Amino acid sequence: MKKHLTLAAIAMAAMGLSACNSAEDQREDQAEAQADTIEQNAEATADAMEERASNLDDPAAQNLENQAEAVRDNAETKAENIEEQAEQAPPQ
C-alpha cells in the first residue's frame, strides 16, 4: 500500500512538472511567434521602402534605403528582446 502511494505521488509530481514545462514551452512558442510576426512585418515594410527608393534619385534614395535597414535592425532587436524575456521569465 505504501509503495502504491509513493508511486502515485511520484507520478503526480511528474505530471506537475510536465505541466510547468508545457506552460513554459507555450510561453516561449508564443514569444517566438510574436517575434516572427514583428520581423515579417518589418521585412515587408523595408522591402516597400526600398521599392520606393528605386524610383528616387540620390541622396533621397540612399536615405530611404538607410531607413529600411534601420527598420529591419529595430525589428530584429525587438524580436530578440521578446524571445529573451520569455526564456528568462520565472515558471508559473
PDB file of N, CA and C in Angstrom:
ATOM      1  N   MET A   1       0.823  -1.192   0.000  1.00  0.00           N
ATOM      2  CA  MET A   1       0.000   0.000   0.000  1.00  0.00           C
ATOM      3  C   MET A   1       0.866   1.256   0.000  1.00  0.00           C
ATOM      4  N   LYS A   2       1.866   1.278   0.862  1.00  0.00           N
ATOM      5  CA  LYS A   2       2.743   2.436   0.948  1.00  0.00           C
ATOM      6  C   LYS A   2       3.484   2.647  -0.365  1.00  0.00           C
ATOM      7  N   LYS A   3       3.874   1.521  -0.998  1.00  0.00           N
ATOM      8  CA  LYS A   3       4.592   1.594  -2.266  1.00  0.00           C
ATOM      9  C   LYS A   3       3.709   2.233  -3.343  1.00  0.00           C
ATOM     10  N   HIS A   4       2.432   1.880  -3.354  1.00  0.00           N
ATOM     11  CA  HIS A   4       1.499   2.438  -4.342  1.00  0.00           C
ATOM     12  C   HIS A   4       1.301   3.937  -4.125  1.00  0.00           C
ATOM     13  N   LEU A   5       1.230   4.353  -2.876  1.00  0.00           N
ATOM     14  CA  LEU A   5       1.074   5.773  -2.584  1.00  0.00           C
ATOM     15  C   LEU A   5       2.312   6.555  -3.024  1.00  0.00           C
ATOM     16  N   THR A   6       3.477   5.958  -2.803  1.00  0.00           N
ATOM     17  CA  THR A   6       4.715   6.612  -3.220  1.00  0.00           C
ATOM     18  C   THR A   6       4.765   6.740  -4.733  1.00  0.00           C
ATOM     19  N   LEU A   7       4.415   5.673  -5.431  1.00  0.00           N
ATOM     20  CA  LEU A   7       4.396   5.717  -6.888  1.00  0.00           C
ATOM     21  C   LEU A   7       3.381   6.733  -7.400  1.00  0.00           C
ATOM     22  N   ALA A   8       2.239   6.784  -6.747  1.00  0.00           N
ATOM     23  CA  ALA A   8       1.214   7.745  -7.148  1.00  0.00           C
ATOM     24  C   ALA A   8       1.713   9.176  -6.924  1.00  0.00           C
ATOM     25  N   ALA A   9       2.390   9.411  -5.813  1.00  0.00           N
ATOM     26  CA  ALA A   9       2.922  10.740  -5.516  1.00  0.00           C
ATOM     27  C   ALA A   9       3.984  11.134  -6.546  1.00  0.00           C
ATOM     28  N   ILE A  10       4.833  10.190  -6.904  1.00  0.00           N
ATOM     29  CA  ILE A  10       5.867  10.458  -7.907  1.00  0.00           C
ATOM     30  C   ILE A  10       5.225  10.764  -9.257  1.00  0.00           C
ATOM     31  N   ALA A  11       4.220   9.994  -9.617  1.00  0.00           N
ATOM     32  CA  ALA A  11       3.536  10.212 -10.889  1.00  0.00           C
ATOM     33  C   ALA A  11       2.868  11.582 -10.923  1.00  0.00           C
ATOM     34  N   MET A  12       2.245  11.969  -9.828  1.00  0.00           N
ATOM     35  CA  MET A  12       1.576  13.271  -9.777  1.00  0.00           C
ATOM     36  C   MET A  12       2.599  14.403  -9.835  1.00  0.00           C
ATOM     37  N   ALA A  13       3.725  14.232  -9.164  1.00  0.00           N
ATOM     38  CA  ALA A  13       4.773  15.248  -9.207  1.00  0.00           C
ATOM     39  C   ALA A  13       5.312  15.387 -10.630  1.00  0.00           C
ATOM     40  N   ALA A  14       5.499  14.271 -11.300  1.00  0.00           N
ATOM     41  CA  ALA A  14       5.985  14.303 -12.680  1.00  0.00           C
ATOM     42  C   ALA A  14       4.983  15.005 -13.584  1.00  0.00           C
ATOM     43  N   MET A  15       3.707  14.753 -13.362  1.00  0.00           N
ATOM     44  CA  MET A  15       2.682  15.419 -14.161  1.00  0.00           C
ATOM     45  C   MET A  15       2.697  16.923 -13.902  1.00  0.00           C
ATOM     46  N   GLY A  16       2.920  17.308 -12.658  1.00  0.00           N
ATOM     47  CA  GLY A  16       3.001  18.721 -12.321  1.00  0.00           C
ATOM     48  C   GLY A  16       4.170  19.394 -13.012  1.00  0.00           C
ATOM     49  N   LEU A  17       5.316  18.743 -13.011  1.00  0.00           N
ATOM     50  CA  LEU A  17       6.484  19.287 -13.699  1.00  0.00           C
ATOM     51  C   LEU A  17       6.244  19.359 -15.187  1.00  0.00           C
ATOM     52  N   SER A  18       5.595  18.357 -15.709  1.00  0.00           N
ATOM     53  CA  SER A  18       5.275  18.340 -17.132  1.00  0.00           C
ATOM     54  C   SER A  18       4.378  19.517 -17.490  1.00  0.00           C
ATOM     55  N   ALA A  19       3.421  19.806 -16.640  1.00  0.00           N
ATOM     56  CA  ALA A  19       2.522  20.927 -16.888  1.00  0.00           C
ATOM     57  C   ALA A  19       3.286  22.247 -16.856  1.00  0.00           C
ATOM     58  N   CYS A  20       4.233  22.383 -15.928  1.00  0.00           N
ATOM     59  CA  CYS A  20       5.050  23.596 -15.857  1.00  0.00           C
ATOM     60  C   CYS A  20       5.878  23.754 -17.127  1.00  0.00           C
ATOM     61  N   ASN A  21       6.494  22.682 -17.548  1.00  0.00           N
ATOM     62  CA  ASN A  21       7.282  22.742 -18.770  1.00  0.00           C
ATOM     63  C   ASN A  21       6.397  23.092 -19.948  1.00  0.00           C
ATOM     64  N   SER A  22       5.213  22.548 -19.949  1.00  0.00           N
ATOM     65  CA  SER A  22       4.295  22.823 -21.037  1.00  0.00           C
ATOM     66  C   SER A  22       3.934  24.307 -21.077  1.00  0.00           C
ATOM     67  N   ALA A  23       3.678  24.897 -19.921  1.00  0.00           N
ATOM     68  CA  ALA A  23       3.346  26.321 -19.863  1.00  0.00           C
ATOM     69  C   ALA A  23       4.543  27.158 -20.311  1.00  0.00           C
ATOM     70  N   GLU A  24       5.739  26.755 -19.869  1.00  0.00           N
ATOM     71  CA  GLU A  24       6.949  27.455 -20.301  1.00  0.00           C
ATOM     72  C   GLU A  24       7.125  27.349 -21.804  1.00  0.00           C
ATOM     73  N   ASP A  25       6.953  26.137 -22.320  1.00  0.00           N
ATOM     74  CA  ASP A  25       7.097  25.927 -23.756  1.00  0.00           C
ATOM     75  C   ASP A  25       6.074  26.757 -24.528  1.00  0.00           C
ATOM     76  N   GLN A  26       4.851  26.806 -24.020  1.00  0.00           N
ATOM     77  CA  GLN A  26       3.814  27.595 -24.691  1.00  0.00           C
ATOM     78  C   GLN A  26       4.168  29.075 -24.689  1.00  0.00           C
ATOM     79  N   ARG A  27       4.675  29.562 -23.550  1.00  0.00           N
ATOM     80  CA  ARG A  27       5.052  30.968 -23.453  1.00  0.00           C
ATOM     81  C   ARG A  27       6.177  31.281 -24.441  1.00  0.00           C
ATOM     82  N   GLU A  28       7.153  30.390 -24.522  1.00  0.00           N
ATOM     83  CA  GLU A  28       8.267  30.602 -25.453  1.00  0.00           C
ATOM     84  C   GLU A  28       7.800  30.492 -26.905  1.00  0.00           C
ATOM     85  N   ASP A  29       6.896  29.560 -27.176  1.00  0.00           N
ATOM     86  CA  ASP A  29       6.352  29.432 -28.536  1.00  0.00           C
ATOM     87  C   ASP A  29       5.582  30.688 -28.939  1.00  0.00           C
ATOM     88  N   GLN A  30       4.789  31.223 -28.003  1.00  0.00           N
ATOM     89  CA  GLN A  30       4.035  32.448 -28.290  1.00  0.00           C
ATOM     90  C   GLN A  30       4.977  33.621 -28.529  1.00  0.00           C
ATOM     91  N   ALA A  31       6.026  33.706 -27.728  1.00  0.00           N
ATOM     92  CA  ALA A  31       7.003  34.785 -27.902  1.00  0.00           C
ATOM     93  C   ALA A  31       7.695  34.658 -29.248  1.00  0.00           C
ATOM     94  N   GLU A  32       8.041  33.437 -29.612  1.00  0.00           N
ATOM     95  CA  GLU A  32       8.698  33.224 -30.903  1.00  0.00           C
ATOM     96  C   GLU A  32       7.772  33.594 -32.055  1.00  0.00           C
ATOM     97  N   ALA A  33       6.502  33.235 -31.938  1.00  0.00           N
ATOM     98  CA  ALA A  33       5.539  33.589 -32.984  1.00  0.00           C
ATOM     99  C   ALA A  33       5.385  35.108 -33.079  1.00  0.00           C
ATOM    100  N   GLN A  34       5.342  35.772 -31.930  1.00  0.00           N
ATOM    101  CA  GLN A  34       5.236  37.234 -31.924  1.00  0.00           C
ATOM    102  C   GLN A  34       6.488  37.851 -32.547  1.00  0.00           C
ATOM    103  N   ALA A  35       7.644  37.311 -32.202  1.00  0.00           N
ATOM    104  CA  ALA A  35       8.904  37.815 -32.759  1.00  0.00           C
ATOM    105  C   ALA A  35       8.948  37.611 -34.271  1.00  0.00           C
ATOM    106  N   ASP A  36       8.494  36.460 -34.725  1.00  0.00           N
ATOM    107  CA  ASP A  36       8.465  36.186 -36.166  1.00  0.00           C
ATOM    108  C   ASP A  36       7.550  37.171 -36.894  1.00  0.00           C
ATOM    109  N   THR A  37       6.408  37.463 -36.293  1.00  0.00           N
ATOM    110  CA  THR A  37       5.469  38.407 -36.900  1.00  0.00           C
ATOM    111  C   THR A  37       6.082  39.796 -37.004  1.00  0.00           C
ATOM    112  N   ILE A  38       6.763  40.207 -35.946  1.00  0.00           N
ATOM    113  CA  ILE A  38       7.425  41.520 -35.960  1.00  0.00           C
ATOM    114  C   ILE A  38       8.446  41.576 -37.086  1.00  0.00           C
ATOM    115  N   GLU A  39       9.255  40.538 -37.206  1.00  0.00           N
ATOM    116  CA  GLU A  39      10.289  40.521 -38.240  1.00  0.00           C
ATOM    117  C   GLU A  39       9.681  40.472 -39.644  1.00  0.00           C
ATOM    118  N   GLN A  40       8.617  39.699 -39.826  1.00  0.00           N
ATOM    119  CA  GLN A  40       7.974  39.618 -41.138  1.00  0.00           C
ATOM    120  C   GLN A  40       7.362  40.955 -41.537  1.00  0.00           C
ATOM    121  N   ASN A  41       6.714  41.616 -40.585  1.00  0.00           N
ATOM    122  CA  ASN A  41       6.120  42.926 -40.880  1.00  0.00           C
ATOM    123  C   ASN A  41       7.198  43.950 -41.212  1.00  0.00           C
ATOM    124  N   ALA A  42       8.288  43.911 -40.468  1.00  0.00           N
ATOM    125  CA  ALA A  42       9.389  44.836 -40.726  1.00  0.00           C
ATOM    126  C   ALA A  42      10.005  44.573 -42.093  1.00  0.00           C
ATOM    127  N   GLU A  43      10.142  43.318 -42.434  1.00  0.00           N
ATOM    128  CA  GLU A  43      10.710  42.969 -43.741  1.00  0.00           C
ATOM    129  C   GLU A  43       9.822  43.500 -44.868  1.00  0.00           C
ATOM    130  N   ALA A  44       8.521  43.338 -44.722  1.00  0.00           N
ATOM    131  CA  ALA A  44       7.601  43.847 -45.743  1.00  0.00           C
ATOM    132  C   ALA A  44       7.680  45.370 -45.844  1.00  0.00           C
ATOM    133  N   THR A  45       7.749  46.025 -44.699  1.00  0.00           N
ATOM    134  CA  THR A  45       7.862  47.483 -44.687  1.00  0.00           C
ATOM    135  C   THR A  45       9.168  47.931 -45.333  1.00  0.00           C
ATOM    136  N   ALA A  46      10.260  47.289 -44.959  1.00  0.00           N
ATOM    137  CA  ALA A  46      11.569  47.653 -45.507  1.00  0.00           C
ATOM    138  C   ALA A  46      11.622  47.394 -47.014  1.00  0.00           C
ATOM    139  N   ASP A  47      11.044  46.284 -47.446  1.00  0.00           N
ATOM    140  CA  ASP A  47      11.011  45.991 -48.883  1.00  0.00           C
ATOM    141  C   ASP A  47      10.244  47.072 -49.641  1.00  0.00           C
ATOM    142  N   ALA A  48       9.116  47.519 -49.082  1.00  0.00           N
ATOM    143  CA  ALA A  48       8.324  48.578 -49.731  1.00  0.00           C
ATOM    144  C   ALA A  48       9.116  49.882 -49.776  1.00  0.00           C
ATOM    145  N   MET A  49       9.847  50.164 -48.712  1.00  0.00           N
ATOM    146  CA  MET A  49      10.666  51.377 -48.692  1.00  0.00           C
ATOM    147  C   MET A  49      11.754  51.309 -49.755  1.00  0.00           C
ATOM    148  N   GLU A  50      12.374  50.174 -49.891  1.00  0.00           N
ATOM    149  CA  GLU A  50      13.422  50.006 -50.895  1.00  0.00           C
ATOM    150  C   GLU A  50      12.847  50.086 -52.310  1.00  0.00           C
ATOM    151  N   GLU A  51      11.648  49.596 -52.480  1.00  0.00           N
ATOM    152  CA  GLU A  51      10.991  49.703 -53.786  1.00  0.00           C
ATOM    153  C   GLU A  51      10.750  51.164 -54.139  1.00  0.00           C
ATOM    154  N   ARG A  52      10.290  51.934 -53.155  1.00  0.00           N
ATOM    155  CA  ARG A  52      10.109  53.371 -53.396  1.00  0.00           C
ATOM    156  C   ARG A  52      11.449  54.041 -53.668  1.00  0.00           C
ATOM    157  N   ALA A  53      12.474  53.613 -52.950  1.00  0.00           N
ATOM    158  CA  ALA A  53      13.805  54.209 -53.123  1.00  0.00           C
ATOM    159  C   ALA A  53      14.332  53.992 -54.533  1.00  0.00           C
ATOM    160  N   SER A  54      13.940  52.884 -55.151  1.00  0.00           N
ATOM    161  CA  SER A  54      14.433  52.601 -56.506  1.00  0.00           C
ATOM    162  C   SER A  54      13.909  53.616 -57.523  1.00  0.00           C
ATOM    163  N   ASN A  55      12.863  54.346 -57.151  1.00  0.00           N
ATOM    164  CA  ASN A  55      12.293  55.353 -58.039  1.00  0.00           C
ATOM    165  C   ASN A  55      12.775  56.763 -57.719  1.00  0.00           C
ATOM    166  N   LEU A  56      13.680  56.880 -56.770  1.00  0.00           N
ATOM    167  CA  LEU A  56      14.169  58.196 -56.350  1.00  0.00           C
ATOM    168  C   LEU A  56      15.617  58.389 -56.773  1.00  0.00           C
ATOM    169  N   ASP A  57      16.021  59.640 -56.763  1.00  0.00           N
ATOM    170  CA  ASP A  57      17.421  59.975 -57.032  1.00  0.00           C
ATOM    171  C   ASP A  57      18.176  60.014 -55.713  1.00  0.00           C
ATOM    172  N   ASP A  58      19.508  59.823 -55.811  1.00  0.00           N
ATOM    173  CA  ASP A  58      20.339  60.019 -54.624  1.00  0.00           C
ATOM    174  C   ASP A  58      20.263  61.485 -54.252  1.00  0.00           C
ATOM    175  N   PRO A  59      20.362  61.890 -53.052  1.00  0.00           N
ATOM    176  CA  PRO A  59      20.561  61.156 -51.809  1.00  0.00           C
ATOM    177  C   PRO A  59      19.256  60.663 -51.177  1.00  0.00           C
ATOM    178  N   ALA A  60      18.114  61.064 -51.742  1.00  0.00           N
ATOM    179  CA  ALA A  60      16.830  60.638 -51.166  1.00  0.00           C
ATOM    180  C   ALA A  60      16.703  59.114 -51.172  1.00  0.00           C
ATOM    181  N   ALA A  61      17.155  58.478 -52.232  1.00  0.00           N
ATOM    182  CA  ALA A  61      17.084  57.022 -52.324  1.00  0.00           C
ATOM    183  C   ALA A  61      17.956  56.380 -51.246  1.00  0.00           C
ATOM    184  N   GLN A  62      19.153  56.909 -51.075  1.00  0.00           N
ATOM    185  CA  GLN A  62      20.049  56.360 -50.067  1.00  0.00           C
ATOM    186  C   GLN A  62      19.474  56.533 -48.664  1.00  0.00           C
ATOM    187  N   ASN A  63      18.867  57.670 -48.433  1.00  0.00           N
ATOM    188  CA  ASN A  63      18.239  57.929 -47.137  1.00  0.00           C
ATOM    189  C   ASN A  63      17.127  56.918 -46.857  1.00  0.00           C
ATOM    190  N   LEU A  64      16.299  56.654 -47.848  1.00  0.00           N
ATOM    191  CA  LEU A  64      15.203  55.700 -47.675  1.00  0.00           C
ATOM    192  C   LEU A  64      15.728  54.283 -47.491  1.00  0.00           C
ATOM    193  N   GLU A  65      16.788  53.931 -48.191  1.00  0.00           N
ATOM    194  CA  GLU A  65      17.392  52.612 -48.016  1.00  0.00           C
ATOM    195  C   GLU A  65      17.996  52.472 -46.616  1.00  0.00           C
ATOM    196  N   ASN A  66      18.582  53.532 -46.104  1.00  0.00           N
ATOM    197  CA  ASN A  66      19.114  53.511 -44.740  1.00  0.00           C
ATOM    198  C   ASN A  66      17.986  53.340 -43.721  1.00  0.00           C
ATOM    199  N   GLN A  67      16.875  54.006 -43.973  1.00  0.00           N
ATOM    200  CA  GLN A  67      15.721  53.866 -43.086  1.00  0.00           C
ATOM    201  C   GLN A  67      15.180  52.437 -43.124  1.00  0.00           C
ATOM    202  N   ALA A  68      15.169  51.838 -44.304  1.00  0.00           N
ATOM    203  CA  ALA A  68      14.696  50.460 -44.436  1.00  0.00           C
ATOM    204  C   ALA A  68      15.583  49.512 -43.627  1.00  0.00           C
ATOM    205  N   GLU A  69      16.874  49.730 -43.684  1.00  0.00           N
ATOM    206  CA  GLU A  69      17.798  48.900 -42.906  1.00  0.00           C
ATOM    207  C   GLU A  69      17.580  49.104 -41.411  1.00  0.00           C
ATOM    208  N   ALA A  70      17.298  50.336 -41.013  1.00  0.00           N
ATOM    209  CA  ALA A  70      17.020  50.618 -39.605  1.00  0.00           C
ATOM    210  C   ALA A  70      15.744  49.915 -39.141  1.00  0.00           C
ATOM    211  N   VAL A  71      14.746  49.867 -40.022  1.00  0.00           N
ATOM    212  CA  VAL A  71      13.506  49.153 -39.694  1.00  0.00           C
ATOM    213  C   VAL A  71      13.812  47.681 -39.425  1.00  0.00           C
ATOM    214  N   ARG A  72      14.619  47.081 -40.282  1.00  0.00           N
ATOM    215  CA  ARG A  72      14.993  45.674 -40.097  1.00  0.00           C
ATOM    216  C   ARG A  72      15.763  45.470 -38.789  1.00  0.00           C
ATOM    217  N   ASP A  73      16.737  46.342 -38.546  1.00  0.00           N
ATOM    218  CA  ASP A  73      17.556  46.220 -37.337  1.00  0.00           C
ATOM    219  C   ASP A  73      16.718  46.373 -36.072  1.00  0.00           C
ATOM    220  N   ASN A  74      15.825  47.375 -36.068  1.00  0.00           N
ATOM    221  CA  ASN A  74      14.970  47.593 -34.899  1.00  0.00           C
ATOM    222  C   ASN A  74      14.052  46.404 -34.656  1.00  0.00           C
ATOM    223  N   ALA A  75      13.508  45.848 -35.711  1.00  0.00           N
ATOM    224  CA  ALA A  75      12.626  44.689 -35.569  1.00  0.00           C
ATOM    225  C   ALA A  75      13.392  43.490 -35.027  1.00  0.00           C
ATOM    226  N   GLU A  76      14.604  43.300 -35.507  1.00  0.00           N
ATOM    227  CA  GLU A  76      15.416  42.180 -35.028  1.00  0.00           C
ATOM    228  C   GLU A  76      15.715  42.338 -33.536  1.00  0.00           C
ATOM    229  N   THR A  77      16.061  43.534 -33.123  1.00  0.00           N
ATOM    230  CA  THR A  77      16.337  43.788 -31.711  1.00  0.00           C
ATOM    231  C   THR A  77      15.095  43.551 -30.866  1.00  0.00           C
ATOM    232  N   LYS A  78      13.951  44.069 -31.327  1.00  0.00           N
ATOM    233  CA  LYS A  78      12.702  43.890 -30.590  1.00  0.00           C
ATOM    234  C   LYS A  78      12.341  42.408 -30.494  1.00  0.00           C
ATOM    235  N   ALA A  79      12.504  41.675 -31.580  1.00  0.00           N
ATOM    236  CA  ALA A  79      12.186  40.247 -31.600  1.00  0.00           C
ATOM    237  C   ALA A  79      13.095  39.481 -30.642  1.00  0.00           C
ATOM    238  N   GLU A  80      14.377  39.806 -30.651  1.00  0.00           N
ATOM    239  CA  GLU A  80      15.310  39.136 -29.741  1.00  0.00           C
ATOM    240  C   GLU A  80      14.955  39.420 -28.289  1.00  0.00           C
ATOM    241  N   ASN A  81      14.571  40.657 -27.989  1.00  0.00           N
ATOM    242  CA  ASN A  81      14.181  41.012 -26.620  1.00  0.00           C
ATOM    243  C   ASN A  81      12.948  40.244 -26.166  1.00  0.00           C
ATOM    244  N   ILE A  82      11.982  40.100 -27.040  1.00  0.00           N
ATOM    245  CA  ILE A  82      10.766  39.354 -26.707  1.00  0.00           C
ATOM    246  C   ILE A  82      11.107  37.902 -26.392  1.00  0.00           C
ATOM    247  N   GLU A  83      11.930  37.298 -27.233  1.00  0.00           N
ATOM    248  CA  GLU A  83      12.301  35.895 -27.019  1.00  0.00           C
ATOM    249  C   GLU A  83      13.124  35.725 -25.743  1.00  0.00           C
ATOM    250  N   GLU A  84      14.030  36.660 -25.460  1.00  0.00           N
ATOM    251  CA  GLU A  84      14.842  36.574 -24.240  1.00  0.00           C
ATOM    252  C   GLU A  84      13.972  36.728 -22.994  1.00  0.00           C
ATOM    253  N   GLN A  85      13.020  37.637 -23.030  1.00  0.00           N
ATOM    254  CA  GLN A  85      12.122  37.832 -21.884  1.00  0.00           C
ATOM    255  C   GLN A  85      11.320  36.560 -21.610  1.00  0.00           C
ATOM    256  N   ALA A  86      10.871  35.909 -22.653  1.00  0.00           N
ATOM    257  CA  ALA A  86      10.106  34.676 -22.478  1.00  0.00           C
ATOM    258  C   ALA A  86      10.969  33.578 -21.879  1.00  0.00           C
ATOM    259  N   GLU A  87      12.213  33.505 -22.309  1.00  0.00           N
ATOM    260  CA  GLU A  87      13.121  32.483 -21.787  1.00  0.00           C
ATOM    261  C   GLU A  87      13.494  32.746 -20.341  1.00  0.00           C
ATOM    262  N   GLN A  88      13.591  34.010 -19.952  1.00  0.00           N
ATOM    263  CA  GLN A  88      14.022  34.362 -18.605  1.00  0.00           C
ATOM    264  C   GLN A  88      12.886  34.508 -17.612  1.00  0.00           C
ATOM    265  N   ALA A  89      11.660  34.460 -18.089  1.00  0.00           N
ATOM    266  CA  ALA A  89      10.514  34.614 -17.195  1.00  0.00           C
ATOM    267  C   ALA A  89      10.448  33.449 -16.217  1.00  0.00           C
ATOM    268  N   PRO A  90      10.127  33.741 -14.973  1.00  0.00           N
ATOM    269  CA  PRO A  90      10.039  32.662 -13.978  1.00  0.00           C
ATOM    270  C   PRO A  90       8.882  31.727 -14.312  1.00  0.00           C
ATOM    271  N   PRO A  91       9.031  30.445 -13.980  1.00  0.00           N
ATOM    272  CA  PRO A  91       7.938  29.500 -14.231  1.00  0.00           C
ATOM    273  C   PRO A  91       6.699  29.890 -13.454  1.00  0.00           C
ATOM    274  N   GLN A  92       5.565  29.612 -14.035  1.00  0.00           N
ATOM    275  CA  GLN A  92       4.298  29.957 -13.371  1.00  0.00           C
ATOM    276  C   GLN A  92       3.658  28.750 -12.760  1.00  0.00           C
TER     277      GLN A  92
END
